[in-house]
C-alpha atoms as a PDB file:
ATOM      1  CA  MET A   1      70.856 105.379 138.695  1.00  0.00           C
ATOM      2  CA  SER A   2      69.536 107.764 136.067  1.00  0.00           C
ATOM      3  CA  ASP A   3      69.160 111.510 136.652  1.00  0.00           C
ATOM      4  CA  PRO A   4      65.517 112.604 136.094  1.00  0.00           C
ATOM      5  CA  GLY A   5      66.702 116.160 135.294  1.00  0.00           C
ATOM      6  CA  LEU A   6      68.857 114.954 132.376  1.00  0.00           C
ATOM      7  CA  TYR A   7      67.133 114.956 128.976  1.00  0.00           C
ATOM      8  CA  TRP A   8      67.763 115.678 125.285  1.00  0.00           C
ATOM      9  CA  ILE A   9      65.577 117.297 122.646  1.00  0.00           C
ATOM     10  CA  ASN A  10      66.352 117.012 118.921  1.00  0.00           C
ATOM     11  CA  SER A  11      64.556 118.949 116.189  1.00  0.00           C
ATOM     12  CA  ASP A  12      65.062 118.843 112.409  1.00  0.00           C
ATOM     13  CA  VAL A  13      63.416 120.878 109.650  1.00  0.00           C
ATOM     14  CA  ALA A  14      64.086 120.331 105.924  1.00  0.00           C
ATOM     15  CA  LEU A  15      62.893 121.930 102.709  1.00  0.00           C
ATOM     16  CA  THR A  16      63.598 120.937  99.106  1.00  0.00           C
ATOM     17  CA  THR A  17      62.805 123.288  96.219  1.00  0.00           C
ATOM     18  CA  LYS A  18      63.169 122.499  92.519  1.00  0.00           C
ATOM     19  CA  ILE A  19      65.263 125.097  90.656  1.00  0.00           C
ATOM     20  CA  PHE A  20      65.423 123.535  87.171  1.00  0.00           C
ATOM     21  CA  ASP A  21      64.274 120.213  85.690  1.00  0.00           C
ATOM     22  CA  ALA A  22      67.147 118.196  87.141  1.00  0.00           C
ATOM     23  CA  LEU A  23      68.389 120.555  89.883  1.00  0.00           C
ATOM     24  CA  ALA A  24      66.995 121.294  93.345  1.00  0.00           C
ATOM     25  CA  ILE A  25      68.178 123.097  96.451  1.00  0.00           C
ATOM     26  CA  PHE A  26      67.896 121.441  99.864  1.00  0.00           C
ATOM     27  CA  PHE A  27      67.860 123.410 103.146  1.00  0.00           C
ATOM     28  CA  THR A  28      68.070 121.871 106.620  1.00  0.00           C
ATOM     29  CA  PHE A  29      68.092 123.293 110.139  1.00  0.00           C
ATOM     30  CA  SER A  30      68.770 121.115 113.190  1.00  0.00           C
ATOM     31  CA  GLU A  31      68.771 121.816 116.909  1.00  0.00           C
ATOM     32  CA  ARG A  32      70.225 119.613 119.645  1.00  0.00           C
ATOM     33  CA  TYR A  33      69.413 120.528 123.256  1.00  0.00           C
ATOM     34  CA  GLU A  34      70.903 118.872 126.338  1.00  0.00           C
ATOM     35  CA  SER A  35      69.587 119.870 129.760  1.00  0.00           C
ATOM     36  CA  LYS A  36      72.890 119.240 131.577  1.00  0.00           C
ATOM     37  CA  PRO A  37      75.865 119.531 129.210  1.00  0.00           C
ATOM     38  CA  ILE A  38      79.418 118.873 130.338  1.00  0.00           C
ATOM     39  CA  PRO A  39      81.093 121.912 131.959  1.00  0.00           C
ATOM     40  CA  GLY A  40      82.155 124.566 129.473  1.00  0.00           C
ATOM     41  CA  LYS A  41      79.671 123.504 126.769  1.00  0.00           C
ATOM     42  CA  LYS A  42      76.445 125.210 125.700  1.00  0.00           C
ATOM     43  CA  LYS A  43      73.036 123.604 126.156  1.00  0.00           C
ATOM     44  CA  LEU A  44      71.904 124.241 122.559  1.00  0.00           C
ATOM     45  CA  ASP A  45      73.717 123.337 119.323  1.00  0.00           C
ATOM     46  CA  THR A  46      72.379 124.328 115.897  1.00  0.00           C
ATOM     47  CA  VAL A  47      73.364 123.217 112.398  1.00  0.00           C
ATOM     48  CA  SER A  48      72.221 124.780 109.113  1.00  0.00           C
ATOM     49  CA  THR A  49      73.017 123.303 105.700  1.00  0.00           C
ATOM     50  CA  VAL A  50      72.340 124.167 102.070  1.00  0.00           C
ATOM     51  CA  SER A  51      72.845 121.552  99.345  1.00  0.00           C
ATOM     52  CA  LEU A  52      72.394 121.342  95.605  1.00  0.00           C
ATOM     53  CA  VAL A  53      70.716 118.133  94.463  1.00  0.00           C
ATOM     54  CA  TYR A  54      71.203 116.848  90.928  1.00  0.00           C
END
């Protein structure tokens, strides 16, 4: 039987900006929310990344 109070929400945002002709920078931000995490864990996880793209 499933728990109606258990749910997940995922959100991702990304941005790419050209720096030079063949080089760009890529930013991402992600959120992962779980309404009922296992004991000892937080409900919200976030991840931020920065990448160079050639």
